[in-house]
Amino acid sequence: MCLAIPSKVVAINKETNSATLETLGVQREASLDLMDEEVSIGEYVLLHIGYIMSKIDEEDALESIKLYQQMIESMEDEYVDEEYRV
């Protein structure tokens, strides 16, 4: 199964046809080579293996990010429980 991560565009580099994205406090560079339409700073996009695949509505992006945060918290709780079992 493949996941595309909703990310906010925080900068665009036209020379390298890439954008800086922010997701859950982490910034990363991603290629715009697969995008047919223009992307603007402040928009949300779907990131998959280093490529921006498409734009996503802000409301949907924020809901997805909220679900990712819940999954991460759940996994962290499980890890702590496993670590302290005797």
PDB file of N, CA and C in Angstrom:
ATOM      1  N   MET A   1       0.841  -1.163   0.000  1.00  0.00           N
ATOM      2  CA  MET A   1       0.000   0.000   0.000  1.00  0.00           C
ATOM      3  C   MET A   1       0.891   1.232   0.000  1.00  0.00           C
ATOM      4  N   CYS A   2       0.497   2.230  -0.750  1.00  0.00           N
ATOM      5  CA  CYS A   2       1.241   3.485  -0.825  1.00  0.00           C
ATOM      6  C   CYS A   2       0.451   4.590  -0.151  1.00  0.00           C
ATOM      7  N   LEU A   3       1.172   5.470   0.503  1.00  0.00           N
ATOM      8  CA  LEU A   3       0.551   6.614   1.146  1.00  0.00           C
ATOM      9  C   LEU A   3       1.095   7.888   0.538  1.00  0.00           C
ATOM     10  N   ALA A   4       0.215   8.853   0.356  1.00  0.00           N
ATOM     11  CA  ALA A   4       0.636  10.193  -0.043  1.00  0.00           C
ATOM     12  C   ALA A   4       0.381  11.089   1.162  1.00  0.00           C
ATOM     13  N   ILE A   5       1.377  11.844   1.539  1.00  0.00           N
ATOM     14  CA  ILE A   5       1.310  12.665   2.738  1.00  0.00           C
ATOM     15  C   ILE A   5       0.880  14.083   2.378  1.00  0.00           C
ATOM     16  N   PRO A   6      -0.193  14.590   3.007  1.00  0.00           N
ATOM     17  CA  PRO A   6      -0.578  15.984   2.772  1.00  0.00           C
ATOM     18  C   PRO A   6       0.461  16.918   3.389  1.00  0.00           C
ATOM     19  N   SER A   7       0.908  17.888   2.605  1.00  0.00           N
ATOM     20  CA  SER A   7       1.954  18.791   3.054  1.00  0.00           C
ATOM     21  C   SER A   7       1.658  20.204   2.564  1.00  0.00           C
ATOM     22  N   LYS A   8       2.100  21.185   3.347  1.00  0.00           N
ATOM     23  CA  LYS A   8       1.893  22.591   2.985  1.00  0.00           C
ATOM     24  C   LYS A   8       3.122  23.118   2.250  1.00  0.00           C
ATOM     25  N   VAL A   9       2.898  23.824   1.156  1.00  0.00           N
ATOM     26  CA  VAL A   9       3.984  24.426   0.391  1.00  0.00           C
ATOM     27  C   VAL A   9       4.447  25.686   1.116  1.00  0.00           C
ATOM     28  N   VAL A  10       5.734  25.734   1.477  1.00  0.00           N
ATOM     29  CA  VAL A  10       6.268  26.898   2.184  1.00  0.00           C
ATOM     30  C   VAL A  10       7.258  27.694   1.334  1.00  0.00           C
ATOM     31  N   ALA A  11       7.749  27.101   0.248  1.00  0.00           N
ATOM     32  CA  ALA A  11       8.650  27.812  -0.663  1.00  0.00           C
ATOM     33  C   ALA A  11       8.665  27.077  -1.997  1.00  0.00           C
ATOM     34  N   ILE A  12       8.977  27.825  -3.048  1.00  0.00           N
ATOM     35  CA  ILE A  12       9.081  27.239  -4.388  1.00  0.00           C
ATOM     36  C   ILE A  12      10.394  27.688  -5.009  1.00  0.00           C
ATOM     37  N   ASN A  13      11.100  26.733  -5.617  1.00  0.00           N
ATOM     38  CA  ASN A  13      12.354  27.017  -6.304  1.00  0.00           C
ATOM     39  C   ASN A  13      12.139  26.719  -7.784  1.00  0.00           C
ATOM     40  N   LYS A  14      11.934  27.759  -8.571  1.00  0.00           N
ATOM     41  CA  LYS A  14      11.659  27.582 -10.006  1.00  0.00           C
ATOM     42  C   LYS A  14      12.878  27.057 -10.764  1.00  0.00           C
ATOM     43  N   GLU A  15      14.090  27.369 -10.286  1.00  0.00           N
ATOM     44  CA  GLU A  15      15.303  26.902 -10.961  1.00  0.00           C
ATOM     45  C   GLU A  15      15.411  25.387 -10.940  1.00  0.00           C
ATOM     46  N   THR A  16      15.017  24.763  -9.825  1.00  0.00           N
ATOM     47  CA  THR A  16      15.121  23.307  -9.707  1.00  0.00           C
ATOM     48  C   THR A  16      13.765  22.616  -9.870  1.00  0.00           C
ATOM     49  N   ASN A  17      12.715  23.401 -10.141  1.00  0.00           N
ATOM     50  CA  ASN A  17      11.348  22.898 -10.264  1.00  0.00           C
ATOM     51  C   ASN A  17      10.978  22.030  -9.063  1.00  0.00           C
ATOM     52  N   SER A  18      11.216  22.620  -7.870  1.00  0.00           N
ATOM     53  CA  SER A  18      10.925  21.907  -6.635  1.00  0.00           C
ATOM     54  C   SER A  18      10.262  22.859  -5.649  1.00  0.00           C
ATOM     55  N   ALA A  19       9.759  22.279  -4.584  1.00  0.00           N
ATOM     56  CA  ALA A  19       9.117  23.072  -3.539  1.00  0.00           C
ATOM     57  C   ALA A  19       9.577  22.555  -2.180  1.00  0.00           C
ATOM     58  N   THR A  20       9.603  23.450  -1.214  1.00  0.00           N
ATOM     59  CA  THR A  20       9.842  23.062   0.167  1.00  0.00           C
ATOM     60  C   THR A  20       8.479  22.866   0.805  1.00  0.00           C
ATOM     61  N   LEU A  21       8.295  21.698   1.407  1.00  0.00           N
ATOM     62  CA  LEU A  21       7.027  21.344   2.030  1.00  0.00           C
ATOM     63  C   LEU A  21       7.212  21.189   3.526  1.00  0.00           C
ATOM     64  N   GLU A  22       6.132  21.419   4.273  1.00  0.00           N
ATOM     65  CA  GLU A  22       6.150  21.228   5.724  1.00  0.00           C
ATOM     66  C   GLU A  22       5.024  20.274   6.093  1.00  0.00           C
ATOM     67  N   THR A  23       5.401  19.250   6.858  1.00  0.00           N
ATOM     68  CA  THR A  23       4.436  18.279   7.358  1.00  0.00           C
ATOM     69  C   THR A  23       4.783  17.950   8.797  1.00  0.00           C
ATOM     70  N   LEU A  24       3.854  18.177   9.690  1.00  0.00           N
ATOM     71  CA  LEU A  24       4.043  17.853  11.104  1.00  0.00           C
ATOM     72  C   LEU A  24       5.356  18.416  11.655  1.00  0.00           C
ATOM     73  N   GLY A  25       5.692  19.638  11.243  1.00  0.00           N
ATOM     74  CA  GLY A  25       6.888  20.297  11.747  1.00  0.00           C
ATOM     75  C   GLY A  25       8.176  19.944  11.034  1.00  0.00           C
ATOM     76  N   VAL A  26       8.111  19.071  10.043  1.00  0.00           N
ATOM     77  CA  VAL A  26       9.302  18.656   9.303  1.00  0.00           C
ATOM     78  C   VAL A  26       9.243  19.257   7.904  1.00  0.00           C
ATOM     79  N   GLN A  27      10.355  19.860   7.466  1.00  0.00           N
ATOM     80  CA  GLN A  27      10.415  20.401   6.110  1.00  0.00           C
ATOM     81  C   GLN A  27      11.259  19.494   5.231  1.00  0.00           C
ATOM     82  N   ARG A  28      10.852  19.402   3.973  1.00  0.00           N
ATOM     83  CA  ARG A  28      11.596  18.597   3.009  1.00  0.00           C
ATOM     84  C   ARG A  28      11.396  19.174   1.612  1.00  0.00           C
ATOM     85  N   GLU A  29      12.332  18.872   0.740  1.00  0.00           N
ATOM     86  CA  GLU A  29      12.245  19.289  -0.654  1.00  0.00           C
ATOM     87  C   GLU A  29      11.512  18.209  -1.443  1.00  0.00           C
ATOM     88  N   ALA A  30      10.724  18.646  -2.426  1.00  0.00           N
ATOM     89  CA  ALA A  30      10.009  17.695  -3.274  1.00  0.00           C
ATOM     90  C   ALA A  30       9.964  18.222  -4.703  1.00  0.00           C
ATOM     91  N   SER A  31      10.007  17.316  -5.636  1.00  0.00           N
ATOM     92  CA  SER A  31       9.989  17.671  -7.051  1.00  0.00           C
ATOM     93  C   SER A  31       8.582  18.042  -7.511  1.00  0.00           C
ATOM     94  N   LEU A  32       8.518  19.028  -8.393  1.00  0.00           N
ATOM     95  CA  LEU A  32       7.259  19.425  -9.031  1.00  0.00           C
ATOM     96  C   LEU A  32       7.131  18.831 -10.439  1.00  0.00           C
ATOM     97  N   ASP A  33       8.053  17.954 -10.814  1.00  0.00           N
ATOM     98  CA  ASP A  33       8.097  17.428 -12.177  1.00  0.00           C
ATOM     99  C   ASP A  33       6.829  16.706 -12.618  1.00  0.00           C
ATOM    100  N   LEU A  34       6.063  16.147 -11.695  1.00  0.00           N
ATOM    101  CA  LEU A  34       4.858  15.397 -12.070  1.00  0.00           C
ATOM    102  C   LEU A  34       3.578  16.231 -12.013  1.00  0.00           C
ATOM    103  N   MET A  35       3.703  17.511 -11.684  1.00  0.00           N
ATOM    104  CA  MET A  35       2.522  18.373 -11.569  1.00  0.00           C
ATOM    105  C   MET A  35       2.178  19.012 -12.912  1.00  0.00           C
ATOM    106  N   ASP A  36       0.883  18.931 -13.265  1.00  0.00           N
ATOM    107  CA  ASP A  36       0.399  19.563 -14.497  1.00  0.00           C
ATOM    108  C   ASP A  36      -0.005  21.012 -14.267  1.00  0.00           C
ATOM    109  N   GLU A  37      -0.369  21.330 -13.018  1.00  0.00           N
ATOM    110  CA  GLU A  37      -0.837  22.678 -12.714  1.00  0.00           C
ATOM    111  C   GLU A  37       0.141  23.392 -11.799  1.00  0.00           C
ATOM    112  N   GLU A  38       0.042  24.718 -11.767  1.00  0.00           N
ATOM    113  CA  GLU A  38       0.926  25.520 -10.929  1.00  0.00           C
ATOM    114  C   GLU A  38       0.580  25.349  -9.456  1.00  0.00           C
ATOM    115  N   VAL A  39       1.602  25.357  -8.638  1.00  0.00           N
ATOM    116  CA  VAL A  39       1.456  25.229  -7.192  1.00  0.00           C
ATOM    117  C   VAL A  39       1.925  26.534  -6.566  1.00  0.00           C
ATOM    118  N   SER A  40       1.192  27.008  -5.564  1.00  0.00           N
ATOM    119  CA  SER A  40       1.525  28.273  -4.901  1.00  0.00           C
ATOM    120  C   SER A  40       1.850  28.059  -3.431  1.00  0.00           C
ATOM    121  N   ILE A  41       2.643  28.974  -2.883  1.00  0.00           N
ATOM    122  CA  ILE A  41       2.960  28.946  -1.457  1.00  0.00           C
ATOM    123  C   ILE A  41       1.655  29.037  -0.663  1.00  0.00           C
ATOM    124  N   GLY A  42       1.552  28.204   0.375  1.00  0.00           N
ATOM    125  CA  GLY A  42       0.365  28.176   1.219  1.00  0.00           C
ATOM    126  C   GLY A  42      -0.639  27.108   0.840  1.00  0.00           C
ATOM    127  N   GLU A  43      -0.523  26.543  -0.358  1.00  0.00           N
ATOM    128  CA  GLU A  43      -1.426  25.473  -0.772  1.00  0.00           C
ATOM    129  C   GLU A  43      -0.977  24.143  -0.167  1.00  0.00           C
ATOM    130  N   TYR A  44      -1.903  23.200  -0.120  1.00  0.00           N
ATOM    131  CA  TYR A  44      -1.597  21.849   0.342  1.00  0.00           C
ATOM    132  C   TYR A  44      -1.515  20.923  -0.865  1.00  0.00           C
ATOM    133  N   VAL A  45      -0.552  20.026  -0.804  1.00  0.00           N
ATOM    134  CA  VAL A  45      -0.322  19.071  -1.882  1.00  0.00           C
ATOM    135  C   VAL A  45      -0.131  17.684  -1.290  1.00  0.00           C
ATOM    136  N   LEU A  46      -0.196  16.680  -2.147  1.00  0.00           N
ATOM    137  CA  LEU A  46       0.077  15.311  -1.724  1.00  0.00           C
ATOM    138  C   LEU A  46       1.491  14.938  -2.154  1.00  0.00           C
ATOM    139  N   LEU A  47       2.285  14.478  -1.196  1.00  0.00           N
ATOM    140  CA  LEU A  47       3.674  14.110  -1.419  1.00  0.00           C
ATOM    141  C   LEU A  47       3.799  12.591  -1.407  1.00  0.00           C
ATOM    142  N   HIS A  48       4.473  12.054  -2.425  1.00  0.00           N
ATOM    143  CA  HIS A  48       4.703  10.611  -2.484  1.00  0.00           C
ATOM    144  C   HIS A  48       6.106  10.372  -3.032  1.00  0.00           C
ATOM    145  N   ILE A  49       6.919   9.707  -2.271  1.00  0.00           N
ATOM    146  CA  ILE A  49       8.314   9.356  -2.586  1.00  0.00           C
ATOM    147  C   ILE A  49       9.098  10.502  -3.251  1.00  0.00           C
ATOM    148  N   GLY A  50       8.987  11.683  -2.684  1.00  0.00           N
ATOM    149  CA  GLY A  50       9.772  12.814  -3.151  1.00  0.00           C
ATOM    150  C   GLY A  50       9.149  13.634  -4.266  1.00  0.00           C
ATOM    151  N   TYR A  51       7.959  13.255  -4.699  1.00  0.00           N
ATOM    152  CA  TYR A  51       7.277  13.972  -5.773  1.00  0.00           C
ATOM    153  C   TYR A  51       5.936  14.515  -5.297  1.00  0.00           C
ATOM    154  N   ILE A  52       5.645  15.728  -5.704  1.00  0.00           N
ATOM    155  CA  ILE A  52       4.327  16.298  -5.451  1.00  0.00           C
ATOM    156  C   ILE A  52       3.414  15.744  -6.527  1.00  0.00           C
ATOM    157  N   MET A  53       2.341  15.064  -6.080  1.00  0.00           N
ATOM    158  CA  MET A  53       1.463  14.355  -7.014  1.00  0.00           C
ATOM    159  C   MET A  53       0.244  15.178  -7.429  1.00  0.00           C
ATOM    160  N   SER A  54      -0.325  15.925  -6.483  1.00  0.00           N
ATOM    161  CA  SER A  54      -1.521  16.711  -6.777  1.00  0.00           C
ATOM    162  C   SER A  54      -1.793  17.679  -5.643  1.00  0.00           C
ATOM    163  N   LYS A  55      -2.686  18.606  -5.900  1.00  0.00           N
ATOM    164  CA  LYS A  55      -3.133  19.521  -4.860  1.00  0.00           C
ATOM    165  C   LYS A  55      -4.223  18.834  -4.053  1.00  0.00           C
ATOM    166  N   ILE A  56      -4.418  19.306  -2.812  1.00  0.00           N
ATOM    167  CA  ILE A  56      -5.475  18.783  -1.961  1.00  0.00           C
ATOM    168  C   ILE A  56      -6.113  19.969  -1.246  1.00  0.00           C
ATOM    169  N   ASP A  57      -7.407  19.889  -1.065  1.00  0.00           N
ATOM    170  CA  ASP A  57      -8.157  20.908  -0.355  1.00  0.00           C
ATOM    171  C   ASP A  57      -7.609  21.049   1.067  1.00  0.00           C
ATOM    172  N   GLU A  58      -7.502  22.288   1.565  1.00  0.00           N
ATOM    173  CA  GLU A  58      -6.927  22.523   2.894  1.00  0.00           C
ATOM    174  C   GLU A  58      -7.681  21.778   3.988  1.00  0.00           C
ATOM    175  N   GLU A  59      -8.996  21.770   3.935  1.00  0.00           N
ATOM    176  CA  GLU A  59      -9.788  21.083   4.962  1.00  0.00           C
ATOM    177  C   GLU A  59      -9.486  19.586   4.980  1.00  0.00           C
ATOM    178  N   ASP A  60      -9.422  18.978   3.793  1.00  0.00           N
ATOM    179  CA  ASP A  60      -9.102  17.548   3.706  1.00  0.00           C
ATOM    180  C   ASP A  60      -7.671  17.273   4.179  1.00  0.00           C
ATOM    181  N   ALA A  61      -6.752  18.167   3.821  1.00  0.00           N
ATOM    182  CA  ALA A  61      -5.360  17.997   4.230  1.00  0.00           C
ATOM    183  C   ALA A  61      -5.232  18.041   5.744  1.00  0.00           C
ATOM    184  N   LEU A  62      -5.869  19.012   6.367  1.00  0.00           N
ATOM    185  CA  LEU A  62      -5.773  19.144   7.817  1.00  0.00           C
ATOM    186  C   LEU A  62      -6.419  17.965   8.533  1.00  0.00           C
ATOM    187  N   GLU A  63      -7.514  17.444   7.994  1.00  0.00           N
ATOM    188  CA  GLU A  63      -8.154  16.265   8.587  1.00  0.00           C
ATOM    189  C   GLU A  63      -7.230  15.045   8.476  1.00  0.00           C
ATOM    190  N   SER A  64      -6.585  14.875   7.331  1.00  0.00           N
ATOM    191  CA  SER A  64      -5.647  13.758   7.146  1.00  0.00           C
ATOM    192  C   SER A  64      -4.461  13.881   8.099  1.00  0.00           C
ATOM    193  N   ILE A  65      -3.926  15.088   8.239  1.00  0.00           N
ATOM    194  CA  ILE A  65      -2.797  15.303   9.140  1.00  0.00           C
ATOM    195  C   ILE A  65      -3.196  14.984  10.574  1.00  0.00           C
ATOM    196  N   LYS A  66      -4.409  15.366  10.950  1.00  0.00           N
ATOM    197  CA  LYS A  66      -4.909  15.059  12.293  1.00  0.00           C
ATOM    198  C   LYS A  66      -4.956  13.544  12.510  1.00  0.00           C
ATOM    199  N   LEU A  67      -5.415  12.800  11.512  1.00  0.00           N
ATOM    200  CA  LEU A  67      -5.461  11.340  11.618  1.00  0.00           C
ATOM    201  C   LEU A  67      -4.050  10.747  11.715  1.00  0.00           C
ATOM    202  N   TYR A  68      -3.101  11.285  10.938  1.00  0.00           N
ATOM    203  CA  TYR A  68      -1.710  10.825  11.025  1.00  0.00           C
ATOM    204  C   TYR A  68      -1.172  11.044  12.437  1.00  0.00           C
ATOM    205  N   GLN A  69      -1.458  12.211  13.013  1.00  0.00           N
ATOM    206  CA  GLN A  69      -0.992  12.494  14.367  1.00  0.00           C
ATOM    207  C   GLN A  69      -1.563  11.492  15.364  1.00  0.00           C
ATOM    208  N   GLN A  70      -2.837  11.156  15.213  1.00  0.00           N
ATOM    209  CA  GLN A  70      -3.455  10.180  16.108  1.00  0.00           C
ATOM    210  C   GLN A  70      -2.798   8.811  15.957  1.00  0.00           C
ATOM    211  N   MET A  71      -2.486   8.409  14.724  1.00  0.00           N
ATOM    212  CA  MET A  71      -1.825   7.122  14.502  1.00  0.00           C
ATOM    213  C   MET A  71      -0.435   7.106  15.131  1.00  0.00           C
ATOM    214  N   ILE A  72       0.297   8.197  14.976  1.00  0.00           N
ATOM    215  CA  ILE A  72       1.645   8.285  15.544  1.00  0.00           C
ATOM    216  C   ILE A  72       1.579   8.193  17.062  1.00  0.00           C
ATOM    217  N   GLU A  73       0.646   8.921  17.668  1.00  0.00           N
ATOM    218  CA  GLU A  73       0.495   8.877  19.125  1.00  0.00           C
ATOM    219  C   GLU A  73       0.139   7.466  19.596  1.00  0.00           C
ATOM    220  N   SER A  74      -0.724   6.799  18.868  1.00  0.00           N
ATOM    221  CA  SER A  74      -1.122   5.435  19.217  1.00  0.00           C
ATOM    222  C   SER A  74       0.075   4.487  19.136  1.00  0.00           C
ATOM    223  N   MET A  75       0.886   4.629  18.082  1.00  0.00           N
ATOM    224  CA  MET A  75       2.061   3.770  17.933  1.00  0.00           C
ATOM    225  C   MET A  75       3.070   4.054  19.037  1.00  0.00           C
ATOM    226  N   GLU A  76       3.238   5.321  19.400  1.00  0.00           N
ATOM    227  CA  GLU A  76       4.167   5.666  20.473  1.00  0.00           C
ATOM    228  C   GLU A  76       3.703   5.069  21.798  1.00  0.00           C
ATOM    229  N   ASP A  77       2.391   5.127  22.056  1.00  0.00           N
ATOM    230  CA  ASP A  77       1.846   4.543  23.278  1.00  0.00           C
ATOM    231  C   ASP A  77       2.095   3.036  23.316  1.00  0.00           C
ATOM    232  N   GLU A  78       1.888   2.362  22.185  1.00  0.00           N
ATOM    233  CA  GLU A  78       2.123   0.913  22.121  1.00  0.00           C
ATOM    234  C   GLU A  78       3.585   0.595  22.359  1.00  0.00           C
ATOM    235  N   TYR A  79       4.483   1.400  21.799  1.00  0.00           N
ATOM    236  CA  TYR A  79       5.918   1.169  21.953  1.00  0.00           C
ATOM    237  C   TYR A  79       6.316   1.319  23.434  1.00  0.00           C
ATOM    238  N   VAL A  80       5.817   2.349  24.090  1.00  0.00           N
ATOM    239  CA  VAL A  80       6.134   2.558  25.494  1.00  0.00           C
ATOM    240  C   VAL A  80       5.606   1.389  26.319  1.00  0.00           C
ATOM    241  N   ASP A  81       4.383   0.918  26.025  1.00  0.00           N
ATOM    242  CA  ASP A  81       3.818  -0.221  26.750  1.00  0.00           C
ATOM    243  C   ASP A  81       4.702  -1.464  26.579  1.00  0.00           C
ATOM    244  N   GLU A  82       5.146  -1.736  25.361  1.00  0.00           N
ATOM    245  CA  GLU A  82       5.998  -2.891  25.087  1.00  0.00           C
ATOM    246  C   GLU A  82       7.346  -2.758  25.791  1.00  0.00           C
ATOM    247  N   GLU A  83       7.880  -1.554  25.822  1.00  0.00           N
ATOM    248  CA  GLU A  83       9.205  -1.314  26.400  1.00  0.00           C
ATOM    249  C   GLU A  83       9.225  -1.563  27.902  1.00  0.00           C
ATOM    250  N   TYR A  84       8.115  -1.308  28.584  1.00  0.00           N
ATOM    251  CA  TYR A  84       8.099  -1.406  30.030  1.00  0.00           C
ATOM    252  C   TYR A  84       7.412  -2.673  30.560  1.00  0.00           C
ATOM    253  N   ARG A  85       7.083  -3.585  29.675  1.00  0.00           N
ATOM    254  CA  ARG A  85       6.508  -4.862  30.151  1.00  0.00           C
ATOM    255  C   ARG A  85       7.603  -5.711  30.781  1.00  0.00           C
ATOM    256  N   VAL A  86       7.230  -6.418  31.839  1.00  0.00           N
ATOM    257  CA  VAL A  86       8.200  -7.280  32.527  1.00  0.00           C
ATOM    258  C   VAL A  86       7.867  -8.727  32.271  1.00  0.00           C
TER     259      VAL A  86
END
